[in-house]
Amino acid sequence: MKRLLPYIFTSLLFAQPVLAVNGGDVIGTEVAPLPDWDARIYPNPNDGVFNIMITGSSAQLNVIVFNVIGEKVFEMKMLADHGAKIDLTSLDKGLYVVQIVDEKRGDVRTMRMQVK
């Protein structure tokens, strides 16, 4: 499992999910198509307070924030075509992965965010 974590985290950072694992070795990746909608995080880097803006969709989306070891540290639902201000000042400084998921269509947008 320890050998697998860097591959999973790398796939989150670069939006390429791990296709299959055989005995801890990655045997391939599959590039997922980008969703029709767009998402922005600003400011980035930030002090733990940031905005998310979604455009081009009217669906309800899940916003999930992961730390560098893949633990979920925050989750919320938001309506697309709206913005949200998120306060995560309780988080440690460092790099985080923000995933925005449209569960109905299966679309996922993955972005990096740095808390300074």
PDB file of N, CA and C in Angstrom:
ATOM      1  N   MET A   1       0.826  -1.198   0.000  1.00  0.00           N
ATOM      2  CA  MET A   1       0.000   0.000   0.000  1.00  0.00           C
ATOM      3  C   MET A   1       0.867   1.258   0.000  1.00  0.00           C
ATOM      4  N   LYS A   2       2.001   1.230   0.748  1.00  0.00           N
ATOM      5  CA  LYS A   2       2.864   2.404   0.796  1.00  0.00           C
ATOM      6  C   LYS A   2       3.441   2.710  -0.578  1.00  0.00           C
ATOM      7  N   ARG A   3       3.703   1.665  -1.389  1.00  0.00           N
ATOM      8  CA  ARG A   3       4.228   1.881  -2.729  1.00  0.00           C
ATOM      9  C   ARG A   3       3.160   2.457  -3.639  1.00  0.00           C
ATOM     10  N   LEU A   4       1.898   2.195  -3.357  1.00  0.00           N
ATOM     11  CA  LEU A   4       0.796   2.629  -4.203  1.00  0.00           C
ATOM     12  C   LEU A   4       0.409   4.085  -3.970  1.00  0.00           C
ATOM     13  N   LEU A   5       0.565   4.597  -2.736  1.00  0.00           N
ATOM     14  CA  LEU A   5       0.131   5.956  -2.408  1.00  0.00           C
ATOM     15  C   LEU A   5       0.752   7.031  -3.292  1.00  0.00           C
ATOM     16  N   PRO A   6       2.073   6.997  -3.576  1.00  0.00           N
ATOM     17  CA  PRO A   6       2.609   8.049  -4.457  1.00  0.00           C
ATOM     18  C   PRO A   6       1.979   8.035  -5.846  1.00  0.00           C
ATOM     19  N   TYR A   7       1.653   6.863  -6.371  1.00  0.00           N
ATOM     20  CA  TYR A   7       1.025   6.787  -7.689  1.00  0.00           C
ATOM     21  C   TYR A   7      -0.393   7.357  -7.660  1.00  0.00           C
ATOM     22  N   ILE A   8      -1.127   7.072  -6.601  1.00  0.00           N
ATOM     23  CA  ILE A   8      -2.491   7.583  -6.485  1.00  0.00           C
ATOM     24  C   ILE A   8      -2.459   9.099  -6.348  1.00  0.00           C
ATOM     25  N   PHE A   9      -1.559   9.624  -5.496  1.00  0.00           N
ATOM     26  CA  PHE A   9      -1.481  11.067  -5.306  1.00  0.00           C
ATOM     27  C   PHE A   9      -1.059  11.760  -6.596  1.00  0.00           C
ATOM     28  N   THR A  10      -0.088  11.178  -7.292  1.00  0.00           N
ATOM     29  CA  THR A  10       0.349  11.754  -8.569  1.00  0.00           C
ATOM     30  C   THR A  10      -0.792  11.772  -9.569  1.00  0.00           C
ATOM     31  N   SER A  11      -1.607  10.714  -9.589  1.00  0.00           N
ATOM     32  CA  SER A  11      -2.733  10.696 -10.526  1.00  0.00           C
ATOM     33  C   SER A  11      -3.764  11.760 -10.166  1.00  0.00           C
ATOM     34  N   LEU A  12      -3.928  12.070  -8.875  1.00  0.00           N
ATOM     35  CA  LEU A  12      -4.829  13.154  -8.480  1.00  0.00           C
ATOM     36  C   LEU A  12      -4.295  14.503  -8.949  1.00  0.00           C
ATOM     37  N   LEU A  13      -2.983  14.694  -8.827  1.00  0.00           N
ATOM     38  CA  LEU A  13      -2.400  15.973  -9.216  1.00  0.00           C
ATOM     39  C   LEU A  13      -2.497  16.228 -10.709  1.00  0.00           C
ATOM     40  N   PHE A  14      -2.377  15.194 -11.501  1.00  0.00           N
ATOM     41  CA  PHE A  14      -2.334  15.377 -12.942  1.00  0.00           C
ATOM     42  C   PHE A  14      -3.589  14.877 -13.641  1.00  0.00           C
ATOM     43  N   ALA A  15      -4.662  14.605 -12.900  1.00  0.00           N
ATOM     44  CA  ALA A  15      -5.979  14.223 -13.430  1.00  0.00           C
ATOM     45  C   ALA A  15      -5.904  13.028 -14.368  1.00  0.00           C
ATOM     46  N   GLN A  16      -5.036  12.082 -14.046  1.00  0.00           N
ATOM     47  CA  GLN A  16      -4.945  10.847 -14.810  1.00  0.00           C
ATOM     48  C   GLN A  16      -5.095   9.696 -13.834  1.00  0.00           C
ATOM     49  N   PRO A  17      -6.263   9.105 -13.749  1.00  0.00           N
ATOM     50  CA  PRO A  17      -6.478   8.055 -12.772  1.00  0.00           C
ATOM     51  C   PRO A  17      -5.637   6.821 -13.069  1.00  0.00           C
ATOM     52  N   VAL A  18      -5.275   6.115 -12.002  1.00  0.00           N
ATOM     53  CA  VAL A  18      -4.550   4.858 -12.162  1.00  0.00           C
ATOM     54  C   VAL A  18      -5.515   3.845 -12.742  1.00  0.00           C
ATOM     55  N   LEU A  19      -5.137   3.226 -13.861  1.00  0.00           N
ATOM     56  CA  LEU A  19      -6.011   2.282 -14.535  1.00  0.00           C
ATOM     57  C   LEU A  19      -6.029   0.938 -13.835  1.00  0.00           C
ATOM     58  N   ALA A  20      -4.862   0.390 -13.534  1.00  0.00           N
ATOM     59  CA  ALA A  20      -4.792  -0.916 -12.891  1.00  0.00           C
ATOM     60  C   ALA A  20      -3.487  -1.030 -12.129  1.00  0.00           C
ATOM     61  N   VAL A  21      -3.529  -1.814 -11.083  1.00  0.00           N
ATOM     62  CA  VAL A  21      -2.345  -2.046 -10.274  1.00  0.00           C
ATOM     63  C   VAL A  21      -2.158  -3.544 -10.152  1.00  0.00           C
ATOM     64  N   ASN A  22      -0.931  -4.001 -10.383  1.00  0.00           N
ATOM     65  CA  ASN A  22      -0.624  -5.425 -10.325  1.00  0.00           C
ATOM     66  C   ASN A  22       0.532  -5.612  -9.363  1.00  0.00           C
ATOM     67  N   GLY A  23       0.259  -6.093  -8.157  1.00  0.00           N
ATOM     68  CA  GLY A  23       1.318  -6.309  -7.184  1.00  0.00           C
ATOM     69  C   GLY A  23       2.008  -5.028  -6.760  1.00  0.00           C
ATOM     70  N   GLY A  24       1.329  -3.894  -6.796  1.00  0.00           N
ATOM     71  CA  GLY A  24       1.909  -2.629  -6.393  1.00  0.00           C
ATOM     72  C   GLY A  24       2.542  -1.852  -7.534  1.00  0.00           C
ATOM     73  N   ASP A  25       2.580  -2.409  -8.748  1.00  0.00           N
ATOM     74  CA  ASP A  25       3.159  -1.721  -9.896  1.00  0.00           C
ATOM     75  C   ASP A  25       2.053  -1.176 -10.783  1.00  0.00           C
ATOM     76  N   VAL A  26       2.197   0.059 -11.209  1.00  0.00           N
ATOM     77  CA  VAL A  26       1.223   0.656 -12.116  1.00  0.00           C
ATOM     78  C   VAL A  26       1.463   0.075 -13.501  1.00  0.00           C
ATOM     79  N   ILE A  27       0.383  -0.438 -14.135  1.00  0.00           N
ATOM     80  CA  ILE A  27       0.545  -1.040 -15.450  1.00  0.00           C
ATOM     81  C   ILE A  27      -0.073  -0.204 -16.555  1.00  0.00           C
ATOM     82  N   GLY A  28      -0.625   0.944 -16.224  1.00  0.00           N
ATOM     83  CA  GLY A  28      -1.180   1.808 -17.264  1.00  0.00           C
ATOM     84  C   GLY A  28      -1.981   2.940 -16.664  1.00  0.00           C
ATOM     85  N   THR A  29      -2.220   3.958 -17.468  1.00  0.00           N
ATOM     86  CA  THR A  29      -3.082   5.061 -17.054  1.00  0.00           C
ATOM     87  C   THR A  29      -4.032   5.373 -18.190  1.00  0.00           C
ATOM     88  N   GLU A  30      -5.122   5.995 -17.840  1.00  0.00           N
ATOM     89  CA  GLU A  30      -6.132   6.367 -18.819  1.00  0.00           C
ATOM     90  C   GLU A  30      -6.416   7.846 -18.647  1.00  0.00           C
ATOM     91  N   VAL A  31      -6.383   8.609 -19.705  1.00  0.00           N
ATOM     92  CA  VAL A  31      -6.649  10.041 -19.630  1.00  0.00           C
ATOM     93  C   VAL A  31      -8.151  10.254 -19.694  1.00  0.00           C
ATOM     94  N   ALA A  32      -8.683  10.909 -18.646  1.00  0.00           N
ATOM     95  CA  ALA A  32     -10.118  11.185 -18.592  1.00  0.00           C
ATOM     96  C   ALA A  32     -10.417  12.470 -19.355  1.00  0.00           C
ATOM     97  N   PRO A  33     -11.535  12.543 -20.080  1.00  0.00           N
ATOM     98  CA  PRO A  33     -11.886  13.777 -20.785  1.00  0.00           C
ATOM     99  C   PRO A  33     -12.241  14.869 -19.785  1.00  0.00           C
ATOM    100  N   LEU A  34     -11.934  16.107 -20.152  1.00  0.00           N
ATOM    101  CA  LEU A  34     -12.263  17.232 -19.285  1.00  0.00           C
ATOM    102  C   LEU A  34     -13.762  17.511 -19.344  1.00  0.00           C
ATOM    103  N   PRO A  35     -14.347  17.946 -18.226  1.00  0.00           N
ATOM    104  CA  PRO A  35     -15.771  18.287 -18.227  1.00  0.00           C
ATOM    105  C   PRO A  35     -16.052  19.523 -19.070  1.00  0.00           C
ATOM    106  N   ASP A  36     -17.333  19.707 -19.430  1.00  0.00           N
ATOM    107  CA  ASP A  36     -17.763  20.862 -20.213  1.00  0.00           C
ATOM    108  C   ASP A  36     -17.719  22.160 -19.404  1.00  0.00           C
ATOM    109  N   TRP A  37     -17.768  22.057 -18.095  1.00  0.00           N
ATOM    110  CA  TRP A  37     -17.785  23.232 -17.241  1.00  0.00           C
ATOM    111  C   TRP A  37     -16.370  23.564 -16.774  1.00  0.00           C
ATOM    112  N   ASP A  38     -16.195  24.768 -16.260  1.00  0.00           N
ATOM    113  CA  ASP A  38     -14.883  25.219 -15.825  1.00  0.00           C
ATOM    114  C   ASP A  38     -14.925  25.589 -14.346  1.00  0.00           C
ATOM    115  N   ALA A  39     -13.796  25.413 -13.674  1.00  0.00           N
ATOM    116  CA  ALA A  39     -13.686  25.748 -12.258  1.00  0.00           C
ATOM    117  C   ALA A  39     -12.398  26.512 -12.027  1.00  0.00           C
ATOM    118  N   ARG A  40     -12.459  27.496 -11.138  1.00  0.00           N
ATOM    119  CA  ARG A  40     -11.277  28.278 -10.774  1.00  0.00           C
ATOM    120  C   ARG A  40     -11.193  28.395  -9.266  1.00  0.00           C
ATOM    121  N   ILE A  41      -9.967  28.367  -8.771  1.00  0.00           N
ATOM    122  CA  ILE A  41      -9.685  28.632  -7.363  1.00  0.00           C
ATOM    123  C   ILE A  41      -8.859  29.913  -7.321  1.00  0.00           C
ATOM    124  N   TYR A  42      -9.269  30.866  -6.508  1.00  0.00           N
ATOM    125  CA  TYR A  42      -8.494  32.092  -6.361  1.00  0.00           C
ATOM    126  C   TYR A  42      -8.687  32.667  -4.976  1.00  0.00           C
ATOM    127  N   PRO A  43      -7.719  33.314  -4.380  1.00  0.00           N
ATOM    128  CA  PRO A  43      -6.335  33.354  -4.847  1.00  0.00           C
ATOM    129  C   PRO A  43      -5.664  32.002  -4.617  1.00  0.00           C
ATOM    130  N   ASN A  44      -4.635  31.749  -5.361  1.00  0.00           N
ATOM    131  CA  ASN A  44      -3.866  30.523  -5.214  1.00  0.00           C
ATOM    132  C   ASN A  44      -2.422  30.845  -5.544  1.00  0.00           C
ATOM    133  N   PRO A  45      -1.544  30.815  -4.586  1.00  0.00           N
ATOM    134  CA  PRO A  45      -1.657  30.338  -3.202  1.00  0.00           C
ATOM    135  C   PRO A  45      -2.479  31.305  -2.337  1.00  0.00           C
ATOM    136  N   ASN A  46      -2.901  30.778  -1.170  1.00  0.00           N
ATOM    137  CA  ASN A  46      -3.743  31.566  -0.278  1.00  0.00           C
ATOM    138  C   ASN A  46      -3.367  31.268   1.170  1.00  0.00           C
ATOM    139  N   ASP A  47      -4.072  31.932   2.097  1.00  0.00           N
ATOM    140  CA  ASP A  47      -3.818  31.738   3.532  1.00  0.00           C
ATOM    141  C   ASP A  47      -4.821  30.778   4.167  1.00  0.00           C
ATOM    142  N   GLY A  48      -5.551  30.034   3.351  1.00  0.00           N
ATOM    143  CA  GLY A  48      -6.578  29.114   3.849  1.00  0.00           C
ATOM    144  C   GLY A  48      -7.981  29.593   3.522  1.00  0.00           C
ATOM    145  N   VAL A  49      -8.104  30.848   3.111  1.00  0.00           N
ATOM    146  CA  VAL A  49      -9.391  31.392   2.675  1.00  0.00           C
ATOM    147  C   VAL A  49      -9.296  31.589   1.166  1.00  0.00           C
ATOM    148  N   PHE A  50     -10.212  30.943   0.441  1.00  0.00           N
ATOM    149  CA  PHE A  50     -10.162  31.029  -1.017  1.00  0.00           C
ATOM    150  C   PHE A  50     -11.567  30.955  -1.586  1.00  0.00           C
ATOM    151  N   ASN A  51     -11.683  31.305  -2.858  1.00  0.00           N
ATOM    152  CA  ASN A  51     -12.958  31.278  -3.567  1.00  0.00           C
ATOM    153  C   ASN A  51     -12.911  30.209  -4.641  1.00  0.00           C
ATOM    154  N   ILE A  52     -14.045  29.589  -4.882  1.00  0.00           N
ATOM    155  CA  ILE A  52     -14.203  28.664  -6.004  1.00  0.00           C
ATOM    156  C   ILE A  52     -15.301  29.226  -6.884  1.00  0.00           C
ATOM    157  N   MET A  53     -15.017  29.339  -8.182  1.00  0.00           N
ATOM    158  CA  MET A  53     -16.003  29.820  -9.149  1.00  0.00           C
ATOM    159  C   MET A  53     -16.207  28.739 -10.194  1.00  0.00           C
ATOM    160  N   ILE A  54     -17.453  28.326 -10.385  1.00  0.00           N
ATOM    161  CA  ILE A  54     -17.823  27.317 -11.380  1.00  0.00           C
ATOM    162  C   ILE A  54     -18.638  28.012 -12.459  1.00  0.00           C
ATOM    163  N   THR A  55     -18.294  27.780 -13.722  1.00  0.00           N
ATOM    164  CA  THR A  55     -19.067  28.335 -14.824  1.00  0.00           C
ATOM    165  C   THR A  55     -19.363  27.243 -15.841  1.00  0.00           C
ATOM    166  N   GLY A  56     -20.494  27.347 -16.499  1.00  0.00           N
ATOM    167  CA  GLY A  56     -20.842  26.422 -17.568  1.00  0.00           C
ATOM    168  C   GLY A  56     -21.637  25.211 -17.137  1.00  0.00           C
ATOM    169  N   SER A  57     -22.122  25.192 -15.903  1.00  0.00           N
ATOM    170  CA  SER A  57     -22.914  24.068 -15.422  1.00  0.00           C
ATOM    171  C   SER A  57     -23.947  24.585 -14.439  1.00  0.00           C
ATOM    172  N   SER A  58     -25.059  23.888 -14.338  1.00  0.00           N
ATOM    173  CA  SER A  58     -26.082  24.253 -13.357  1.00  0.00           C
ATOM    174  C   SER A  58     -26.326  23.109 -12.381  1.00  0.00           C
ATOM    175  N   ALA A  59     -25.432  22.146 -12.363  1.00  0.00           N
ATOM    176  CA  ALA A  59     -25.599  20.972 -11.511  1.00  0.00           C
ATOM    177  C   ALA A  59     -25.126  21.254 -10.085  1.00  0.00           C
ATOM    178  N   GLN A  60     -25.504  20.361  -9.181  1.00  0.00           N
ATOM    179  CA  GLN A  60     -24.965  20.404  -7.833  1.00  0.00           C
ATOM    180  C   GLN A  60     -23.651  19.632  -7.841  1.00  0.00           C
ATOM    181  N   LEU A  61     -22.613  20.244  -7.324  1.00  0.00           N
ATOM    182  CA  LEU A  61     -21.283  19.655  -7.361  1.00  0.00           C
ATOM    183  C   LEU A  61     -20.766  19.424  -5.949  1.00  0.00           C
ATOM    184  N   ASN A  62     -19.896  18.435  -5.810  1.00  0.00           N
ATOM    185  CA  ASN A  62     -19.205  18.188  -4.544  1.00  0.00           C
ATOM    186  C   ASN A  62     -17.809  18.780  -4.644  1.00  0.00           C
ATOM    187  N   VAL A  63     -17.405  19.498  -3.612  1.00  0.00           N
ATOM    188  CA  VAL A  63     -16.053  20.028  -3.517  1.00  0.00           C
ATOM    189  C   VAL A  63     -15.359  19.250  -2.405  1.00  0.00           C
ATOM    190  N   ILE A  64     -14.254  18.591  -2.741  1.00  0.00           N
ATOM    191  CA  ILE A  64     -13.526  17.771  -1.780  1.00  0.00           C
ATOM    192  C   ILE A  64     -12.072  18.221  -1.779  1.00  0.00           C
ATOM    193  N   VAL A  65     -11.506  18.419  -0.585  1.00  0.00           N
ATOM    194  CA  VAL A  65     -10.113  18.826  -0.442  1.00  0.00           C
ATOM    195  C   VAL A  65      -9.359  17.696   0.246  1.00  0.00           C
ATOM    196  N   PHE A  66      -8.213  17.312  -0.349  1.00  0.00           N
ATOM    197  CA  PHE A  66      -7.363  16.258   0.183  1.00  0.00           C
ATOM    198  C   PHE A  66      -6.007  16.845   0.551  1.00  0.00           C
ATOM    199  N   ASN A  67      -5.376  16.296   1.607  1.00  0.00           N
ATOM    200  CA  ASN A  67      -4.007  16.698   1.917  1.00  0.00           C
ATOM    201  C   ASN A  67      -3.037  15.861   1.092  1.00  0.00           C
ATOM    202  N   VAL A  68      -1.728  16.049   1.293  1.00  0.00           N
ATOM    203  CA  VAL A  68      -0.737  15.383   0.443  1.00  0.00           C
ATOM    204  C   VAL A  68      -0.662  13.877   0.646  1.00  0.00           C
ATOM    205  N   ILE A  69      -1.212  13.366   1.733  1.00  0.00           N
ATOM    206  CA  ILE A  69      -1.201  11.911   1.912  1.00  0.00           C
ATOM    207  C   ILE A  69      -2.542  11.281   1.551  1.00  0.00           C
ATOM    208  N   GLY A  70      -3.406  12.084   0.922  1.00  0.00           N
ATOM    209  CA  GLY A  70      -4.654  11.554   0.401  1.00  0.00           C
ATOM    210  C   GLY A  70      -5.816  11.520   1.367  1.00  0.00           C
ATOM    211  N   GLU A  71      -5.681  12.138   2.543  1.00  0.00           N
ATOM    212  CA  GLU A  71      -6.776  12.186   3.506  1.00  0.00           C
ATOM    213  C   GLU A  71      -7.736  13.318   3.147  1.00  0.00           C
ATOM    214  N   LYS A  72      -9.028  13.026   3.216  1.00  0.00           N
ATOM    215  CA  LYS A  72     -10.038  14.051   2.969  1.00  0.00           C
ATOM    216  C   LYS A  72     -10.074  14.986   4.173  1.00  0.00           C
ATOM    217  N   VAL A  73      -9.859  16.282   3.937  1.00  0.00           N
ATOM    218  CA  VAL A  73      -9.843  17.251   5.033  1.00  0.00           C
ATOM    219  C   VAL A  73     -11.042  18.194   4.985  1.00  0.00           C
ATOM    220  N   PHE A  74     -11.787  18.176   3.868  1.00  0.00           N
ATOM    221  CA  PHE A  74     -12.938  19.069   3.747  1.00  0.00           C
ATOM    222  C   PHE A  74     -13.833  18.558   2.626  1.00  0.00           C
ATOM    223  N   GLU A  75     -15.150  18.721   2.822  1.00  0.00           N
ATOM    224  CA  GLU A  75     -16.107  18.372   1.767  1.00  0.00           C
ATOM    225  C   GLU A  75     -17.336  19.252   1.914  1.00  0.00           C
ATOM    226  N   MET A  76     -17.862  19.688   0.763  1.00  0.00           N
ATOM    227  CA  MET A  76     -19.100  20.469   0.767  1.00  0.00           C
ATOM    228  C   MET A  76     -19.801  20.306  -0.571  1.00  0.00           C
ATOM    229  N   LYS A  77     -21.074  20.623  -0.620  1.00  0.00           N
ATOM    230  CA  LYS A  77     -21.841  20.636  -1.866  1.00  0.00           C
ATOM    231  C   LYS A  77     -22.088  22.092  -2.240  1.00  0.00           C
ATOM    232  N   MET A  78     -22.073  22.356  -3.555  1.00  0.00           N
ATOM    233  CA  MET A  78     -22.370  23.706  -4.015  1.00  0.00           C
ATOM    234  C   MET A  78     -23.072  23.632  -5.357  1.00  0.00           C
ATOM    235  N   LEU A  79     -23.850  24.646  -5.663  1.00  0.00           N
ATOM    236  CA  LEU A  79     -24.481  24.755  -6.970  1.00  0.00           C
ATOM    237  C   LEU A  79     -23.502  25.383  -7.938  1.00  0.00           C
ATOM    238  N   ALA A  80     -23.419  24.812  -9.115  1.00  0.00           N
ATOM    239  CA  ALA A  80     -22.548  25.379 -10.142  1.00  0.00           C
ATOM    240  C   ALA A  80     -23.133  26.704 -10.605  1.00  0.00           C
ATOM    241  N   ASP A  81     -22.364  27.450 -11.380  1.00  0.00           N
ATOM    242  CA  ASP A  81     -22.691  28.808 -11.813  1.00  0.00           C
ATOM    243  C   ASP A  81     -22.859  29.743 -10.625  1.00  0.00           C
ATOM    244  N   HIS A  82     -22.349  29.331  -9.489  1.00  0.00           N
ATOM    245  CA  HIS A  82     -22.297  30.169  -8.294  1.00  0.00           C
ATOM    246  C   HIS A  82     -20.886  30.054  -7.735  1.00  0.00           C
ATOM    247  N   GLY A  83     -20.511  31.000  -6.957  1.00  0.00           N
ATOM    248  CA  GLY A  83     -19.215  30.942  -6.293  1.00  0.00           C
ATOM    249  C   GLY A  83     -19.387  30.535  -4.845  1.00  0.00           C
ATOM    250  N   ALA A  84     -18.297  30.152  -4.245  1.00  0.00           N
ATOM    251  CA  ALA A  84     -18.305  29.808  -2.826  1.00  0.00           C
ATOM    252  C   ALA A  84     -17.008  30.309  -2.214  1.00  0.00           C
ATOM    253  N   LYS A  85     -17.118  30.890  -1.037  1.00  0.00           N
ATOM    254  CA  LYS A  85     -15.938  31.301  -0.282  1.00  0.00           C
ATOM    255  C   LYS A  85     -15.732  30.245   0.790  1.00  0.00           C
ATOM    256  N   ILE A  86     -14.526  29.685   0.836  1.00  0.00           N
ATOM    257  CA  ILE A  86     -14.230  28.586   1.756  1.00  0.00           C
ATOM    258  C   ILE A  86     -13.120  29.026   2.700  1.00  0.00           C
ATOM    259  N   ASP A  87     -13.333  28.775   3.988  1.00  0.00           N
ATOM    260  CA  ASP A  87     -12.353  29.132   5.010  1.00  0.00           C
ATOM    261  C   ASP A  87     -11.771  27.855   5.604  1.00  0.00           C
ATOM    262  N   LEU A  88     -10.532  27.575   5.257  1.00  0.00           N
ATOM    263  CA  LEU A  88      -9.827  26.415   5.792  1.00  0.00           C
ATOM    264  C   LEU A  88      -8.560  26.863   6.516  1.00  0.00           C
ATOM    265  N   THR A  89      -8.670  27.942   7.280  1.00  0.00           N
ATOM    266  CA  THR A  89      -7.502  28.467   7.982  1.00  0.00           C
ATOM    267  C   THR A  89      -7.008  27.512   9.059  1.00  0.00           C
ATOM    268  N   SER A  90      -7.800  26.523   9.416  1.00  0.00           N
ATOM    269  CA  SER A  90      -7.367  25.542  10.410  1.00  0.00           C
ATOM    270  C   SER A  90      -6.390  24.516   9.816  1.00  0.00           C
ATOM    271  N   LEU A  91      -6.248  24.501   8.490  1.00  0.00           N
ATOM    272  CA  LEU A  91      -5.334  23.558   7.849  1.00  0.00           C
ATOM    273  C   LEU A  91      -3.884  24.011   7.987  1.00  0.00           C
ATOM    274  N   ASP A  92      -2.978  23.039   7.990  1.00  0.00           N
ATOM    275  CA  ASP A  92      -1.551  23.337   7.991  1.00  0.00           C
ATOM    276  C   ASP A  92      -1.152  23.924   6.651  1.00  0.00           C
ATOM    277  N   LYS A  93      -0.047  24.655   6.630  1.00  0.00           N
ATOM    278  CA  LYS A  93       0.490  25.172   5.381  1.00  0.00           C
ATOM    279  C   LYS A  93       0.959  24.004   4.534  1.00  0.00           C
ATOM    280  N   GLY A  94       0.787  24.130   3.221  1.00  0.00           N
ATOM    281  CA  GLY A  94       1.247  23.078   2.336  1.00  0.00           C
ATOM    282  C   GLY A  94       0.391  22.961   1.094  1.00  0.00           C
ATOM    283  N   LEU A  95       0.610  21.873   0.375  1.00  0.00           N
ATOM    284  CA  LEU A  95      -0.078  21.617  -0.882  1.00  0.00           C
ATOM    285  C   LEU A  95      -1.311  20.755  -0.635  1.00  0.00           C
ATOM    286  N   TYR A  96      -2.418  21.101  -1.309  1.00  0.00           N
ATOM    287  CA  TYR A  96      -3.670  20.356  -1.198  1.00  0.00           C
ATOM    288  C   TYR A  96      -4.209  20.091  -2.604  1.00  0.00           C
ATOM    289  N   VAL A  97      -5.011  19.055  -2.711  1.00  0.00           N
ATOM    290  CA  VAL A  97      -5.665  18.717  -3.968  1.00  0.00           C
ATOM    291  C   VAL A  97      -7.150  18.991  -3.789  1.00  0.00           C
ATOM    292  N   VAL A  98      -7.722  19.788  -4.695  1.00  0.00           N
ATOM    293  CA  VAL A  98      -9.146  20.115  -4.660  1.00  0.00           C
ATOM    294  C   VAL A  98      -9.807  19.391  -5.828  1.00  0.00           C
ATOM    295  N   GLN A  99     -10.801  18.580  -5.503  1.00  0.00           N
ATOM    296  CA  GLN A  99     -11.545  17.857  -6.527  1.00  0.00           C
ATOM    297  C   GLN A  99     -12.970  18.372  -6.536  1.00  0.00           C
ATOM    298  N   ILE A 100     -13.463  18.692  -7.731  1.00  0.00           N
ATOM    299  CA  ILE A 100     -14.847  19.136  -7.897  1.00  0.00           C
ATOM    300  C   ILE A 100     -15.527  18.088  -8.757  1.00  0.00           C
ATOM    301  N   VAL A 101     -16.605  17.500  -8.230  1.00  0.00           N
ATOM    302  CA  VAL A 101     -17.219  16.324  -8.838  1.00  0.00           C
ATOM    303  C   VAL A 101     -18.686  16.584  -9.155  1.00  0.00           C
ATOM    304  N   ASP A 102     -19.074  16.308 -10.401  1.00  0.00           N
ATOM    305  CA  ASP A 102     -20.480  16.276 -10.810  1.00  0.00           C
ATOM    306  C   ASP A 102     -20.862  14.804 -10.821  1.00  0.00           C
ATOM    307  N   GLU A 103     -21.502  14.336  -9.752  1.00  0.00           N
ATOM    308  CA  GLU A 103     -21.793  12.904  -9.602  1.00  0.00           C
ATOM    309  C   GLU A 103     -22.783  12.392 -10.650  1.00  0.00           C
ATOM    310  N   LYS A 104     -23.718  13.233 -11.076  1.00  0.00           N
ATOM    311  CA  LYS A 104     -24.718  12.781 -12.051  1.00  0.00           C
ATOM    312  C   LYS A 104     -24.096  12.485 -13.404  1.00  0.00           C
ATOM    313  N   ARG A 105     -23.138  13.317 -13.839  1.00  0.00           N
ATOM    314  CA  ARG A 105     -22.519  13.130 -15.147  1.00  0.00           C
ATOM    315  C   ARG A 105     -21.189  12.394 -15.062  1.00  0.00           C
ATOM    316  N   GLY A 106     -20.656  12.250 -13.848  1.00  0.00           N
ATOM    317  CA  GLY A 106     -19.378  11.583 -13.683  1.00  0.00           C
ATOM    318  C   GLY A 106     -18.183  12.455 -14.024  1.00  0.00           C
ATOM    319  N   ASP A 107     -18.383  13.774 -14.120  1.00  0.00           N
ATOM    320  CA  ASP A 107     -17.297  14.699 -14.443  1.00  0.00           C
ATOM    321  C   ASP A 107     -16.511  15.048 -13.186  1.00  0.00           C
ATOM    322  N   VAL A 108     -15.205  15.122 -13.319  1.00  0.00           N
ATOM    323  CA  VAL A 108     -14.329  15.479 -12.205  1.00  0.00           C
ATOM    324  C   VAL A 108     -13.316  16.506 -12.692  1.00  0.00           C
ATOM    325  N   ARG A 109     -13.117  17.551 -11.920  1.00  0.00           N
ATOM    326  CA  ARG A 109     -12.069  18.545 -12.181  1.00  0.00           C
ATOM    327  C   ARG A 109     -11.156  18.506 -10.962  1.00  0.00           C
ATOM    328  N   THR A 110      -9.867  18.312 -11.176  1.00  0.00           N
ATOM    329  CA  THR A 110      -8.889  18.223 -10.095  1.00  0.00           C
ATOM    330  C   THR A 110      -7.875  19.343 -10.245  1.00  0.00           C
ATOM    331  N   MET A 111      -7.640  20.062  -9.124  1.00  0.00           N
ATOM    332  CA  MET A 111      -6.714  21.198  -9.145  1.00  0.00           C
ATOM    333  C   MET A 111      -5.834  21.163  -7.902  1.00  0.00           C
ATOM    334  N   ARG A 112      -4.684  21.780  -7.998  1.00  0.00           N
ATOM    335  CA  ARG A 112      -3.801  21.922  -6.852  1.00  0.00           C
ATOM    336  C   ARG A 112      -4.053  23.278  -6.213  1.00  0.00           C
ATOM    337  N   MET A 113      -3.848  23.313  -4.889  1.00  0.00           N
ATOM    338  CA  MET A 113      -3.982  24.565  -4.150  1.00  0.00           C
ATOM    339  C   MET A 113      -2.908  24.594  -3.070  1.00  0.00           C
ATOM    340  N   GLN A 114      -2.308  25.748  -2.896  1.00  0.00           N
ATOM    341  CA  GLN A 114      -1.275  25.881  -1.873  1.00  0.00           C
ATOM    342  C   GLN A 114      -1.732  26.838  -0.795  1.00  0.00           C
ATOM    343  N   VAL A 115      -1.602  26.380   0.461  1.00  0.00           N
ATOM    344  CA  VAL A 115      -1.896  27.220   1.627  1.00  0.00           C
ATOM    345  C   VAL A 115      -0.559  27.676   2.187  1.00  0.00           C
ATOM    346  N   LYS A 116      -0.373  28.987   2.237  1.00  0.00           N
ATOM    347  CA  LYS A 116       0.898  29.554   2.763  1.00  0.00           C
ATOM    348  C   LYS A 116       0.728  30.063   4.159  1.00  0.00           C
TER     349      LYS A 116
END
